[in-house]
Amino acid sequence: MSTDPLKDISRETFDAWAAHMGLEVDAEHLNKLYPETLALLKRMSSVHQVDVSEVDPMESTETVPREMLGTD
């Protein structure tokens, strides 16, 4: 298993996660969702590697930069 807890989740963990999130579907549907979810998490894992150490936390959550709003 990788060091990224979201990248390689077991089927058992996936099933528990789906149940916890309130996903009520049959086993066939879960069988289809599991590999799709793993693929999505794999694609997203690169986001965890982005260096954001120099980004102001307040700016990281804004959708429009403050200077564009003219409020500074």
PDB file of N, CA and C in Angstrom:
ATOM      1  N   MET A   1       0.843  -1.186   0.000  1.00  0.00           N
ATOM      2  CA  MET A   1       0.000   0.000   0.000  1.00  0.00           C
ATOM      3  C   MET A   1       0.884   1.242   0.000  1.00  0.00           C
ATOM      4  N   SER A   2       0.444   2.274  -0.686  1.00  0.00           N
ATOM      5  CA  SER A   2       1.227   3.496  -0.776  1.00  0.00           C
ATOM      6  C   SER A   2       1.129   4.287   0.520  1.00  0.00           C
ATOM      7  N   THR A   3       1.894   5.379   0.594  1.00  0.00           N
ATOM      8  CA  THR A   3       1.827   6.245   1.766  1.00  0.00           C
ATOM      9  C   THR A   3       0.630   7.182   1.700  1.00  0.00           C
ATOM     10  N   ASP A   4      -0.025   7.247   0.567  1.00  0.00           N
ATOM     11  CA  ASP A   4      -1.215   8.070   0.407  1.00  0.00           C
ATOM     12  C   ASP A   4      -2.434   7.225   0.775  1.00  0.00           C
ATOM     13  N   PRO A   5      -3.092   7.539   1.894  1.00  0.00           N
ATOM     14  CA  PRO A   5      -4.203   6.688   2.343  1.00  0.00           C
ATOM     15  C   PRO A   5      -5.391   6.677   1.396  1.00  0.00           C
ATOM     16  N   LEU A   6      -5.508   7.667   0.540  1.00  0.00           N
ATOM     17  CA  LEU A   6      -6.633   7.695  -0.389  1.00  0.00           C
ATOM     18  C   LEU A   6      -6.353   6.950  -1.674  1.00  0.00           C
ATOM     19  N   LYS A   7      -5.087   6.717  -1.981  1.00  0.00           N
ATOM     20  CA  LYS A   7      -4.731   6.157  -3.281  1.00  0.00           C
ATOM     21  C   LYS A   7      -5.064   4.674  -3.393  1.00  0.00           C
ATOM     22  N   ASP A   8      -4.764   3.904  -2.379  1.00  0.00           N
ATOM     23  CA  ASP A   8      -4.929   2.453  -2.450  1.00  0.00           C
ATOM     24  C   ASP A   8      -5.851   1.961  -1.342  1.00  0.00           C
ATOM     25  N   ILE A   9      -7.135   2.115  -1.527  1.00  0.00           N
ATOM     26  CA  ILE A   9      -8.048   1.628  -0.500  1.00  0.00           C
ATOM     27  C   ILE A   9      -8.513   0.228  -0.878  1.00  0.00           C
ATOM     28  N   SER A  10      -8.647  -0.598   0.128  1.00  0.00           N
ATOM     29  CA  SER A  10      -9.102  -1.970  -0.115  1.00  0.00           C
ATOM     30  C   SER A  10     -10.590  -1.964  -0.459  1.00  0.00           C
ATOM     31  N   ARG A  11     -11.040  -3.056  -1.009  1.00  0.00           N
ATOM     32  CA  ARG A  11     -12.465  -3.172  -1.332  1.00  0.00           C
ATOM     33  C   ARG A  11     -13.293  -3.109  -0.055  1.00  0.00           C
ATOM     34  N   GLU A  12     -12.793  -3.727   0.990  1.00  0.00           N
ATOM     35  CA  GLU A  12     -13.504  -3.699   2.273  1.00  0.00           C
ATOM     36  C   GLU A  12     -13.638  -2.265   2.783  1.00  0.00           C
ATOM     37  N   THR A  13     -12.566  -1.503   2.697  1.00  0.00           N
ATOM     38  CA  THR A  13     -12.601  -0.105   3.119  1.00  0.00           C
ATOM     39  C   THR A  13     -13.542   0.700   2.235  1.00  0.00           C
ATOM     40  N   PHE A  14     -13.492   0.450   0.931  1.00  0.00           N
ATOM     41  CA  PHE A  14     -14.384   1.143   0.001  1.00  0.00           C
ATOM     42  C   PHE A  14     -15.844   0.868   0.353  1.00  0.00           C
ATOM     43  N   ASP A  15     -16.174  -0.390   0.602  1.00  0.00           N
ATOM     44  CA  ASP A  15     -17.554  -0.745   0.950  1.00  0.00           C
ATOM     45  C   ASP A  15     -17.997  -0.038   2.229  1.00  0.00           C
ATOM     46  N   ALA A  16     -17.109   0.010   3.226  1.00  0.00           N
ATOM     47  CA  ALA A  16     -17.435   0.689   4.481  1.00  0.00           C
ATOM     48  C   ALA A  16     -17.598   2.190   4.250  1.00  0.00           C
ATOM     49  N   TRP A  17     -16.729   2.759   3.437  1.00  0.00           N
ATOM     50  CA  TRP A  17     -16.787   4.182   3.105  1.00  0.00           C
ATOM     51  C   TRP A  17     -18.105   4.494   2.397  1.00  0.00           C
ATOM     52  N   ALA A  18     -18.472   3.683   1.423  1.00  0.00           N
ATOM     53  CA  ALA A  18     -19.720   3.886   0.681  1.00  0.00           C
ATOM     54  C   ALA A  18     -20.926   3.815   1.618  1.00  0.00           C
ATOM     55  N   ALA A  19     -20.920   2.837   2.511  1.00  0.00           N
ATOM     56  CA  ALA A  19     -22.027   2.702   3.464  1.00  0.00           C
ATOM     57  C   ALA A  19     -22.085   3.907   4.398  1.00  0.00           C
ATOM     58  N   HIS A  20     -20.927   4.354   4.867  1.00  0.00           N
ATOM     59  CA  HIS A  20     -20.861   5.509   5.761  1.00  0.00           C
ATOM     60  C   HIS A  20     -21.392   6.772   5.077  1.00  0.00           C
ATOM     61  N   MET A  21     -21.138   6.884   3.783  1.00  0.00           N
ATOM     62  CA  MET A  21     -21.593   8.049   3.025  1.00  0.00           C
ATOM     63  C   MET A  21     -23.070   7.937   2.636  1.00  0.00           C
ATOM     64  N   GLY A  22     -23.708   6.822   3.000  1.00  0.00           N
ATOM     65  CA  GLY A  22     -25.127   6.650   2.728  1.00  0.00           C
ATOM     66  C   GLY A  22     -25.440   6.125   1.341  1.00  0.00           C
ATOM     67  N   LEU A  23     -24.437   5.576   0.675  1.00  0.00           N
ATOM     68  CA  LEU A  23     -24.645   5.027  -0.661  1.00  0.00           C
ATOM     69  C   LEU A  23     -25.335   3.677  -0.529  1.00  0.00           C
ATOM     70  N   GLU A  24     -26.563   3.608  -0.998  1.00  0.00           N
ATOM     71  CA  GLU A  24     -27.350   2.383  -0.889  1.00  0.00           C
ATOM     72  C   GLU A  24     -27.598   1.822  -2.279  1.00  0.00           C
ATOM     73  N   VAL A  25     -26.646   1.023  -2.754  1.00  0.00           N
ATOM     74  CA  VAL A  25     -26.753   0.412  -4.082  1.00  0.00           C
ATOM     75  C   VAL A  25     -26.423  -1.065  -3.956  1.00  0.00           C
ATOM     76  N   ASP A  26     -26.744  -1.820  -4.991  1.00  0.00           N
ATOM     77  CA  ASP A  26     -26.472  -3.254  -4.945  1.00  0.00           C
ATOM     78  C   ASP A  26     -24.987  -3.542  -5.190  1.00  0.00           C
ATOM     79  N   ALA A  27     -24.605  -4.784  -4.942  1.00  0.00           N
ATOM     80  CA  ALA A  27     -23.204  -5.198  -5.071  1.00  0.00           C
ATOM     81  C   ALA A  27     -22.681  -4.999  -6.486  1.00  0.00           C
ATOM     82  N   GLU A  28     -23.528  -5.224  -7.479  1.00  0.00           N
ATOM     83  CA  GLU A  28     -23.101  -5.039  -8.872  1.00  0.00           C
ATOM     84  C   GLU A  28     -22.685  -3.589  -9.132  1.00  0.00           C
ATOM     85  N   HIS A  29     -23.457  -2.668  -8.592  1.00  0.00           N
ATOM     86  CA  HIS A  29     -23.135  -1.250  -8.760  1.00  0.00           C
ATOM     87  C   HIS A  29     -21.828  -0.917  -8.041  1.00  0.00           C
ATOM     88  N   LEU A  30     -21.658  -1.434  -6.825  1.00  0.00           N
ATOM     89  CA  LEU A  30     -20.405  -1.211  -6.096  1.00  0.00           C
ATOM     90  C   LEU A  30     -19.218  -1.806  -6.845  1.00  0.00           C
ATOM     91  N   ASN A  31     -19.425  -2.946  -7.497  1.00  0.00           N
ATOM     92  CA  ASN A  31     -18.354  -3.558  -8.291  1.00  0.00           C
ATOM     93  C   ASN A  31     -17.910  -2.637  -9.421  1.00  0.00           C
ATOM     94  N   LYS A  32     -18.834  -1.870  -9.966  1.00  0.00           N
ATOM     95  CA  LYS A  32     -18.499  -0.915 -11.026  1.00  0.00           C
ATOM     96  C   LYS A  32     -17.863   0.351 -10.457  1.00  0.00           C
ATOM     97  N   LEU A  33     -18.354   0.783  -9.312  1.00  0.00           N
ATOM     98  CA  LEU A  33     -17.849   2.017  -8.717  1.00  0.00           C
ATOM     99  C   LEU A  33     -16.440   1.882  -8.144  1.00  0.00           C
ATOM    100  N   TYR A  34     -16.116   0.723  -7.617  1.00  0.00           N
ATOM    101  CA  TYR A  34     -14.820   0.548  -6.954  1.00  0.00           C
ATOM    102  C   TYR A  34     -13.638   0.875  -7.866  1.00  0.00           C
ATOM    103  N   PRO A  35     -13.500   0.272  -9.048  1.00  0.00           N
ATOM    104  CA  PRO A  35     -12.347   0.620  -9.891  1.00  0.00           C
ATOM    105  C   PRO A  35     -12.399   2.064 -10.387  1.00  0.00           C
ATOM    106  N   GLU A  36     -13.599   2.582 -10.597  1.00  0.00           N
ATOM    107  CA  GLU A  36     -13.721   3.979 -11.017  1.00  0.00           C
ATOM    108  C   GLU A  36     -13.242   4.912  -9.911  1.00  0.00           C
ATOM    109  N   THR A  37     -13.590   4.573  -8.683  1.00  0.00           N
ATOM    110  CA  THR A  37     -13.162   5.378  -7.544  1.00  0.00           C
ATOM    111  C   THR A  37     -11.654   5.315  -7.378  1.00  0.00           C
ATOM    112  N   LEU A  38     -11.075   4.125  -7.502  1.00  0.00           N
ATOM    113  CA  LEU A  38      -9.618   4.001  -7.411  1.00  0.00           C
ATOM    114  C   LEU A  38      -8.930   4.827  -8.489  1.00  0.00           C
ATOM    115  N   ALA A  39      -9.467   4.802  -9.702  1.00  0.00           N
ATOM    116  CA  ALA A  39      -8.878   5.582 -10.795  1.00  0.00           C
ATOM    117  C   ALA A  39      -8.961   7.075 -10.501  1.00  0.00           C
ATOM    118  N   LEU A  40     -10.091   7.520  -9.986  1.00  0.00           N
ATOM    119  CA  LEU A  40     -10.255   8.926  -9.647  1.00  0.00           C
ATOM    120  C   LEU A  40      -9.281   9.338  -8.553  1.00  0.00           C
ATOM    121  N   LEU A  41      -9.168   8.519  -7.509  1.00  0.00           N
ATOM    122  CA  LEU A  41      -8.247   8.832  -6.422  1.00  0.00           C
ATOM    123  C   LEU A  41      -6.800   8.851  -6.908  1.00  0.00           C
ATOM    124  N   LYS A  42      -6.476   7.966  -7.829  1.00  0.00           N
ATOM    125  CA  LYS A  42      -5.117   7.949  -8.382  1.00  0.00           C
ATOM    126  C   LYS A  42      -4.838   9.247  -9.135  1.00  0.00           C
ATOM    127  N   ARG A  43      -5.800   9.694  -9.933  1.00  0.00           N
ATOM    128  CA  ARG A  43      -5.619  10.949 -10.666  1.00  0.00           C
ATOM    129  C   ARG A  43      -5.514  12.130  -9.708  1.00  0.00           C
ATOM    130  N   MET A  44      -6.270  12.086  -8.630  1.00  0.00           N
ATOM    131  CA  MET A  44      -6.258  13.183  -7.664  1.00  0.00           C
ATOM    132  C   MET A  44      -5.014  13.187  -6.785  1.00  0.00           C
ATOM    133  N   SER A  45      -4.327  12.062  -6.684  1.00  0.00           N
ATOM    134  CA  SER A  45      -3.196  11.971  -5.761  1.00  0.00           C
ATOM    135  C   SER A  45      -2.094  12.963  -6.087  1.00  0.00           C
ATOM    136  N   SER A  46      -1.981  13.376  -7.346  1.00  0.00           N
ATOM    137  CA  SER A  46      -0.951  14.353  -7.697  1.00  0.00           C
ATOM    138  C   SER A  46      -1.204  15.695  -7.017  1.00  0.00           C
ATOM    139  N   VAL A  47      -2.440  15.986  -6.677  1.00  0.00           N
ATOM    140  CA  VAL A  47      -2.762  17.230  -5.979  1.00  0.00           C
ATOM    141  C   VAL A  47      -2.082  17.267  -4.612  1.00  0.00           C
ATOM    142  N   HIS A  48      -1.946  16.109  -3.983  1.00  0.00           N
ATOM    143  CA  HIS A  48      -1.299  16.039  -2.674  1.00  0.00           C
ATOM    144  C   HIS A  48       0.177  16.401  -2.748  1.00  0.00           C
ATOM    145  N   GLN A  49       0.767  16.347  -3.935  1.00  0.00           N
ATOM    146  CA  GLN A  49       2.189  16.626  -4.106  1.00  0.00           C
ATOM    147  C   GLN A  49       2.476  18.097  -4.413  1.00  0.00           C
ATOM    148  N   VAL A  50       1.452  18.903  -4.626  1.00  0.00           N
ATOM    149  CA  VAL A  50       1.647  20.307  -4.976  1.00  0.00           C
ATOM    150  C   VAL A  50       2.172  21.066  -3.764  1.00  0.00           C
ATOM    151  N   ASP A  51       3.251  21.814  -3.974  1.00  0.00           N
ATOM    152  CA  ASP A  51       3.842  22.611  -2.900  1.00  0.00           C
ATOM    153  C   ASP A  51       3.039  23.900  -2.744  1.00  0.00           C
ATOM    154  N   VAL A  52       2.355  24.019  -1.641  1.00  0.00           N
ATOM    155  CA  VAL A  52       1.560  25.215  -1.369  1.00  0.00           C
ATOM    156  C   VAL A  52       2.094  25.966  -0.151  1.00  0.00           C
ATOM    157  N   SER A  53       3.340  25.695   0.199  1.00  0.00           N
ATOM    158  CA  SER A  53       3.913  26.280   1.410  1.00  0.00           C
ATOM    159  C   SER A  53       3.990  27.804   1.357  1.00  0.00           C
ATOM    160  N   GLU A  54       4.015  28.379   0.167  1.00  0.00           N
ATOM    161  CA  GLU A  54       4.114  29.834   0.064  1.00  0.00           C
ATOM    162  C   GLU A  54       2.774  30.497  -0.247  1.00  0.00           C
ATOM    163  N   VAL A  55       1.695  29.746  -0.186  1.00  0.00           N
ATOM    164  CA  VAL A  55       0.368  30.295  -0.478  1.00  0.00           C
ATOM    165  C   VAL A  55      -0.302  30.698   0.826  1.00  0.00           C
ATOM    166  N   ASP A  56      -0.803  31.920   0.859  1.00  0.00           N
ATOM    167  CA  ASP A  56      -1.542  32.412   2.017  1.00  0.00           C
ATOM    168  C   ASP A  56      -2.816  31.573   2.148  1.00  0.00           C
ATOM    169  N   PRO A  57      -3.060  30.970   3.317  1.00  0.00           N
ATOM    170  CA  PRO A  57      -4.255  30.129   3.479  1.00  0.00           C
ATOM    171  C   PRO A  57      -5.557  30.845   3.124  1.00  0.00           C
ATOM    172  N   MET A  58      -5.643  32.138   3.403  1.00  0.00           N
ATOM    173  CA  MET A  58      -6.861  32.880   3.065  1.00  0.00           C
ATOM    174  C   MET A  58      -7.038  32.977   1.553  1.00  0.00           C
ATOM    175  N   GLU A  59      -5.951  33.132   0.833  1.00  0.00           N
ATOM    176  CA  GLU A  59      -6.037  33.230  -0.622  1.00  0.00           C
ATOM    177  C   GLU A  59      -6.332  31.880  -1.264  1.00  0.00           C
ATOM    178  N   SER A  60      -5.965  30.818  -0.594  1.00  0.00           N
ATOM    179  CA  SER A  60      -6.159  29.493  -1.190  1.00  0.00           C
ATOM    180  C   SER A  60      -7.625  29.078  -1.238  1.00  0.00           C
ATOM    181  N   THR A  61      -8.464  29.735  -0.472  1.00  0.00           N
ATOM    182  CA  THR A  61      -9.876  29.369  -0.451  1.00  0.00           C
ATOM    183  C   THR A  61     -10.762  30.357  -1.194  1.00  0.00           C
ATOM    184  N   GLU A  62     -10.175  31.423  -1.703  1.00  0.00           N
ATOM    185  CA  GLU A  62     -10.957  32.412  -2.431  1.00  0.00           C
ATOM    186  C   GLU A  62     -11.173  31.964  -3.870  1.00  0.00           C
ATOM    187  N   THR A  63     -12.333  32.265  -4.408  1.00  0.00           N
ATOM    188  CA  THR A  63     -12.584  31.945  -5.811  1.00  0.00           C
ATOM    189  C   THR A  63     -12.176  33.099  -6.715  1.00  0.00           C
ATOM    190  N   VAL A  64     -12.218  34.311  -6.186  1.00  0.00           N
ATOM    191  CA  VAL A  64     -11.790  35.487  -6.942  1.00  0.00           C
ATOM    192  C   VAL A  64     -10.743  36.204  -6.097  1.00  0.00           C
ATOM    193  N   PRO A  65      -9.561  36.473  -6.657  1.00  0.00           N
ATOM    194  CA  PRO A  65      -8.531  37.184  -5.888  1.00  0.00           C
ATOM    195  C   PRO A  65      -9.049  38.523  -5.375  1.00  0.00           C
ATOM    196  N   ARG A  66      -8.661  38.867  -4.150  1.00  0.00           N
ATOM    197  CA  ARG A  66      -9.127  40.107  -3.526  1.00  0.00           C
ATOM    198  C   ARG A  66      -8.865  41.329  -4.397  1.00  0.00           C
ATOM    199  N   GLU A  67      -7.681  41.365  -5.021  1.00  0.00           N
ATOM    200  CA  GLU A  67      -7.346  42.547  -5.819  1.00  0.00           C
ATOM    201  C   GLU A  67      -8.295  42.730  -7.008  1.00  0.00           C
ATOM    202  N   MET A  68      -8.896  41.659  -7.476  1.00  0.00           N
ATOM    203  CA  MET A  68      -9.855  41.768  -8.579  1.00  0.00           C
ATOM    204  C   MET A  68     -11.205  42.298  -8.092  1.00  0.00           C
ATOM    205  N   LEU A  69     -11.466  42.163  -6.797  1.00  0.00           N
ATOM    206  CA  LEU A  69     -12.724  42.647  -6.238  1.00  0.00           C
ATOM    207  C   LEU A  69     -12.661  44.127  -5.901  1.00  0.00           C
ATOM    208  N   GLY A  70     -11.437  44.674  -5.813  1.00  0.00           N
ATOM    209  CA  GLY A  70     -11.271  46.076  -5.470  1.00  0.00           C
ATOM    210  C   GLY A  70     -11.555  46.360  -4.011  1.00  0.00           C
ATOM    211  N   THR A  71     -11.379  45.350  -3.148  1.00  0.00           N
ATOM    212  CA  THR A  71     -11.659  45.543  -1.724  1.00  0.00           C
ATOM    213  C   THR A  71     -10.406  45.804  -0.913  1.00  0.00           C
ATOM    214  N   ASP A  72      -9.232  45.745  -1.533  1.00  0.00           N
ATOM    215  CA  ASP A  72      -7.982  45.992  -0.790  1.00  0.00           C
ATOM    216  C   ASP A  72      -7.664  47.459  -0.740  1.00  0.00           C
TER     217      ASP A  72
END
